[in-house]
């Protein structure tokens, strides 16, 4: 979960200025949290305190109304409705990593991922993207190796995870869909050698860099079990006190810090 937030913050300054290299400074004055972080913390807070996902997402939107939300979510969050809007966007996948850390069976993870997605992203692709990401986090956390993790996600959800990153990078452009974001983010993780490398590889795809790195970072955190202290410190410095408090409480309870 903290890895997802790190990916978001590191990738934030490249969202509208994409790069195609792994060579870049991790943090600058322009590195900041976005809606990916806000909604990831909202999901974590909902799990920690037993509050419904729709209510928590709306509450966090009211606290952080200028975090850079997508148009569909923005309209939903500002309305009085809690009905979903059939989105297939990658928002359901970017916020789901806490579920992979908090639940202890494959069935629970898939069920909770669907619940967290369906309050907004009830399109089949929106639900699939959330479930695939949460499952990857869960499998990584529970010691499944990369080949087996990739095979399980690919067979269950029909994603092609076989194309090398060097090939994907050539043609990858800004894509807000789950189906256009989750597979390349997973591939970035699969080719990585450590947490930082996973985030760098995800950002190097270009496109929706913060969300690609958020998804890859959440999985990499679960798999590699640690994030370098210098990255953790830089991330926590960029969170305000309420966000930092929820992250700390959640990670202490579920062993992800």
Protein backbone atom coordinates (compact mmCIF):
# COMPACT_ATOMS: atom_id res chain seq x y z
CA UNK A 1 0.00 0.00 0.00
CA UNK A 2 2.83 2.41 0.84
CA UNK A 3 4.51 1.23 -2.36
CA UNK A 4 1.48 2.32 -4.37
CA UNK A 5 1.62 5.76 -2.79
CA UNK A 6 5.35 6.00 -3.50
CA UNK A 7 4.71 5.12 -7.14
CA UNK A 8 2.04 7.78 -7.40
CA UNK A 9 4.23 10.50 -5.90
CA UNK A 10 7.30 9.58 -7.95
CA UNK A 11 5.24 9.35 -11.14
CA UNK A 12 3.18 12.48 -10.52
CA UNK A 13 5.45 14.93 -12.34
CA UNK A 14 5.55 12.76 -15.46
CA UNK A 15 1.79 12.33 -15.94
CA UNK A 16 1.63 15.20 -18.44
CA UNK A 17 5.32 15.12 -19.38
CA UNK A 18 5.95 11.44 -20.12
CA UNK A 19 9.41 9.96 -20.46
CA UNK A 20 10.69 6.76 -22.03
CA UNK A 21 13.68 6.06 -19.81
CA UNK A 22 14.38 4.67 -16.35
CA UNK A 23 17.00 7.37 -15.75
CA UNK A 24 15.46 10.23 -13.80
CA UNK A 25 15.59 11.86 -10.38
CA UNK A 26 13.12 10.12 -8.08
CA UNK A 27 11.92 13.17 -6.16
CA UNK A 28 11.91 16.87 -6.92
CA UNK A 29 9.94 19.82 -5.64
CA UNK A 30 7.25 18.94 -8.18
CA UNK A 31 6.70 15.43 -6.75
CA UNK A 32 3.36 15.32 -4.94
CA UNK A 33 0.51 12.98 -4.10
CA UNK A 34 -2.47 12.86 -6.45
CA UNK A 35 -5.91 11.26 -6.50
CA UNK A 36 -4.22 7.85 -6.66
CA UNK A 37 -2.85 8.35 -3.16
CA UNK A 38 -5.98 10.00 -1.76
CA UNK A 39 -8.24 7.17 -2.91
CA UNK A 40 -5.78 4.44 -1.91
CA UNK A 41 -5.77 5.89 1.61
CA UNK A 42 -9.57 6.14 1.48
CA UNK A 43 -9.82 2.40 0.76
CA UNK A 44 -7.31 1.65 3.53
CA UNK A 45 -9.27 3.85 5.96
CA UNK A 46 -12.50 2.10 5.01
CA UNK A 47 -10.96 -1.30 5.72
CA UNK A 48 -9.32 -0.16 8.95
CA UNK A 49 -12.46 1.45 10.37
CA UNK A 50 -15.14 -0.72 8.76
CA UNK A 51 -16.70 2.08 6.71
CA UNK A 52 -18.30 1.45 3.31
CA UNK A 53 -16.17 2.22 0.27
CA UNK A 54 -18.59 4.67 -1.37
CA UNK A 55 -18.94 6.74 1.80
CA UNK A 56 -15.20 6.80 2.37
CA UNK A 57 -14.36 7.76 -1.22
CA UNK A 58 -16.78 10.66 -1.07
CA UNK A 59 -15.45 11.75 2.33
CA UNK A 60 -11.88 11.82 1.05
CA UNK A 61 -12.92 13.71 -2.04
CA UNK A 62 -14.44 16.41 0.16
CA UNK A 63 -11.17 16.64 2.13
CA UNK A 64 -8.97 16.71 -1.00
CA UNK A 65 -11.13 18.16 -3.80
CA UNK A 66 -8.21 19.28 -5.98
CA UNK A 67 -6.14 16.09 -6.20
CA UNK A 68 -6.64 15.61 -9.94
CA UNK A 69 -9.60 13.25 -10.23
CA UNK A 70 -10.96 11.91 -13.50
CA UNK A 71 -14.10 13.52 -14.89
CA UNK A 72 -16.44 10.64 -14.16
CA UNK A 73 -15.29 10.27 -10.57
CA UNK A 74 -15.41 14.03 -10.05
CA UNK A 75 -19.04 14.18 -11.16
CA UNK A 76 -19.96 11.18 -8.99
CA UNK A 77 -18.12 12.48 -5.93
CA UNK A 78 -19.82 15.89 -6.15
CA UNK A 79 -23.28 14.38 -6.49
CA UNK A 80 -25.68 13.07 -3.88
CA UNK A 81 -25.84 9.72 -5.64
CA UNK A 82 -23.99 6.59 -4.59
CA UNK A 83 -24.92 4.74 -7.78
CA UNK A 84 -21.93 3.60 -9.89
CA UNK A 85 -21.30 5.07 -13.33
CA UNK A 86 -20.11 1.99 -15.24
CA UNK A 87 -16.49 3.12 -15.57
CA UNK A 88 -13.75 0.95 -17.08
CA UNK A 89 -11.09 3.47 -16.04
CA UNK A 90 -7.95 2.61 -14.12
CA UNK A 91 -9.17 4.34 -10.94
CA UNK A 92 -10.48 1.05 -9.59
CA UNK A 93 -7.03 -0.54 -9.93
CA UNK A 94 -4.98 2.39 -8.64
CA UNK A 95 -6.75 2.45 -5.25
CA UNK A 96 -7.08 -1.28 -4.56
CA UNK A 97 -3.68 -2.32 -3.16
CA UNK A 98 -4.73 -2.14 0.55
CA UNK A 99 -7.11 -5.04 -0.10
CA UNK A 100 -4.23 -7.27 -1.19
CA UNK A 101 -2.52 -6.58 2.14
CA UNK A 102 -5.54 -6.75 4.46
CA UNK A 103 -7.32 -9.96 3.47
CA UNK A 104 -5.99 -13.46 3.90
CA UNK A 105 -7.57 -15.63 1.24
CA UNK A 106 -7.81 -15.43 -2.51
CA UNK A 107 -11.60 -15.51 -2.33
CA UNK A 108 -11.77 -12.63 0.15
CA UNK A 109 -9.36 -10.53 -1.89
CA UNK A 110 -11.34 -11.00 -5.10
CA UNK A 111 -14.64 -10.32 -3.36
CA UNK A 112 -13.40 -7.17 -1.62
CA UNK A 113 -11.70 -5.91 -4.77
CA UNK A 114 -14.98 -6.21 -6.63
CA UNK A 115 -16.80 -4.38 -3.83
CA UNK A 116 -14.27 -1.56 -3.81
CA UNK A 117 -14.45 -1.19 -7.59
CA UNK A 118 -18.19 -1.58 -8.09
CA UNK A 119 -19.20 1.49 -6.10
CA UNK A 120 -17.96 3.50 -9.10
CA UNK A 121 -16.32 1.21 -11.68
CA UNK A 122 -18.98 -1.45 -12.17
CA UNK A 123 -18.06 -2.05 -15.82
CA UNK A 124 -16.60 -5.57 -16.20
CA UNK A 125 -13.20 -4.14 -17.17
CA UNK A 126 -13.20 -1.85 -14.13
CA UNK A 127 -13.90 -4.76 -11.82
CA UNK A 128 -11.39 -7.00 -13.60
CA UNK A 129 -8.63 -4.43 -13.29
CA UNK A 130 -9.19 -4.03 -9.56
CA UNK A 131 -9.36 -7.77 -8.97
CA UNK A 132 -6.23 -8.47 -11.02
CA UNK A 133 -4.24 -5.83 -9.16
CA UNK A 134 -5.43 -6.90 -5.72
CA UNK A 135 -4.79 -10.54 -6.54
CA UNK A 136 -1.27 -9.74 -7.72
CA UNK A 137 -0.58 -7.90 -4.44
CA UNK A 138 -1.99 -10.80 -2.44
CA UNK A 139 0.00 -13.44 -4.33
CA UNK A 140 3.17 -11.37 -4.05
CA UNK A 141 2.60 -10.86 -0.32
CA UNK A 142 2.08 -14.57 0.27
CA UNK A 143 5.32 -15.64 -1.42
CA UNK A 144 4.17 -16.71 -4.87
CA UNK A 145 6.99 -16.40 -7.39
CA UNK A 146 6.73 -14.12 -10.41
CA UNK A 147 6.13 -16.86 -13.00
CA UNK A 148 3.29 -18.38 -11.00
CA UNK A 149 1.84 -14.95 -10.21
CA UNK A 150 1.84 -13.97 -13.86
CA UNK A 151 0.31 -17.30 -14.91
CA UNK A 152 -2.50 -17.00 -12.35
CA UNK A 153 -3.39 -13.43 -13.26
CA UNK A 154 -3.18 -14.10 -17.00
CA UNK A 155 -5.31 -17.25 -16.88
CA UNK A 156 -7.91 -15.80 -14.52
CA UNK A 157 -8.35 -12.43 -16.23
CA UNK A 158 -7.16 -12.98 -19.80
CA UNK A 159 -4.42 -10.35 -19.69
CA UNK A 160 -1.44 -10.79 -21.99
CA UNK A 161 1.61 -10.31 -19.74
CA UNK A 162 4.13 -11.81 -22.13
CA UNK A 163 5.16 -8.77 -24.18
CA UNK A 164 8.54 -7.40 -23.06
CA UNK A 165 8.62 -3.91 -21.65
CA UNK A 166 11.00 -2.74 -24.37
CA UNK A 167 8.33 -3.59 -26.93
CA UNK A 168 5.45 -2.10 -24.93
CA UNK A 169 7.39 1.10 -24.34
CA UNK A 170 7.68 1.89 -28.06
CA UNK A 171 3.95 2.32 -28.59
CA UNK A 172 2.53 2.94 -25.14
CA UNK A 173 0.66 6.24 -24.87
CA UNK A 174 -1.64 7.86 -22.33
CA UNK A 175 -4.41 5.37 -21.56
CA UNK A 176 -6.83 5.69 -18.65
CA UNK A 177 -8.50 2.30 -19.13
CA UNK A 178 -7.93 -0.62 -16.80
CA UNK A 179 -7.22 -2.88 -19.75
CA UNK A 180 -4.60 -0.46 -21.05
CA UNK A 181 -2.95 0.18 -17.68
CA UNK A 182 -2.95 -2.93 -15.51
CA UNK A 183 -1.12 -5.33 -17.91
CA UNK A 184 1.82 -2.98 -18.65
CA UNK A 185 2.11 -2.05 -14.97
CA UNK A 186 2.22 -5.74 -14.11
CA UNK A 187 4.87 -6.29 -16.78
CA UNK A 188 6.98 -3.52 -15.25
CA UNK A 189 6.85 -5.35 -11.93
CA UNK A 190 7.62 -8.72 -13.51
CA UNK A 191 10.80 -7.40 -15.15
CA UNK A 192 11.99 -5.53 -12.05
CA UNK A 193 14.81 -6.52 -9.71
CA UNK A 194 13.71 -4.47 -6.69
CA UNK A 195 11.08 -1.95 -5.60
CA UNK A 196 12.73 1.13 -7.06
CA UNK A 197 13.38 -0.63 -10.35
CA UNK A 198 9.70 -1.57 -10.66
CA UNK A 199 8.62 2.05 -10.24
CA UNK A 200 11.25 3.32 -12.67
CA UNK A 201 10.24 0.76 -15.29
CA UNK A 202 6.54 1.61 -14.94
CA UNK A 203 7.21 5.33 -15.36
CA UNK A 204 9.44 4.66 -18.36
CA UNK A 205 6.41 3.44 -20.30
CA UNK A 206 5.17 7.03 -20.57
CA UNK A 207 1.46 7.74 -20.52
CA UNK A 208 -0.44 7.76 -17.24
CA UNK A 209 2.80 7.56 -15.30
CA UNK A 210 1.55 8.06 -11.76
CA UNK A 211 -1.08 5.34 -12.06
CA UNK A 212 1.24 2.88 -13.83
CA UNK A 213 3.79 3.39 -11.04
CA UNK A 214 1.09 3.26 -8.36
CA UNK A 215 -0.08 -0.17 -9.54
CA UNK A 216 3.43 -1.54 -10.11
CA UNK A 217 4.64 -0.05 -6.83
CA UNK A 218 1.88 -1.67 -4.80
CA UNK A 219 2.69 -5.11 -6.19
CA UNK A 220 6.45 -4.59 -5.86
CA UNK A 221 6.07 -3.53 -2.23
CA UNK A 222 4.23 -6.76 -1.48
CA UNK A 223 6.75 -8.89 -3.37
CA UNK A 224 10.07 -7.38 -2.26
CA UNK A 225 8.81 -6.80 1.30
CA UNK A 226 10.71 -3.55 1.73
CA UNK A 227 11.07 -0.06 0.34
CA UNK A 228 14.35 1.80 0.78
CA UNK A 229 14.27 4.14 3.78
CA UNK A 230 15.19 7.14 1.64
CA UNK A 231 12.08 6.55 -0.46
CA UNK A 232 9.84 5.97 2.55
CA UNK A 233 11.09 9.15 4.19
CA UNK A 234 10.57 11.21 1.03
CA UNK A 235 7.05 9.83 0.61
CA UNK A 236 5.96 10.43 4.19
CA UNK A 237 7.32 13.98 4.05
CA UNK A 238 4.98 14.68 1.14
CA UNK A 239 1.85 13.43 2.89
CA UNK A 240 -0.10 15.68 5.21
CA UNK A 241 -0.68 14.57 8.79
CA UNK A 242 -4.13 12.94 8.28
CA UNK A 243 -2.94 10.85 5.31
CA UNK A 244 0.28 9.91 7.09
CA UNK A 245 -1.66 8.83 10.17
CA UNK A 246 -3.94 6.47 8.23
CA UNK A 247 -1.01 5.00 6.30
CA UNK A 248 0.88 4.36 9.54
CA UNK A 249 -2.08 2.81 11.33
CA UNK A 250 -2.99 0.58 8.39
CA UNK A 251 0.56 -0.55 7.74
CA UNK A 252 1.19 -1.29 11.41
CA UNK A 253 -1.94 -3.45 11.59
CA UNK A 254 -1.36 -5.31 8.34
CA UNK A 255 2.42 -5.49 8.34
CA UNK A 256 3.12 -3.38 5.29
CA UNK A 257 5.49 -0.76 6.71
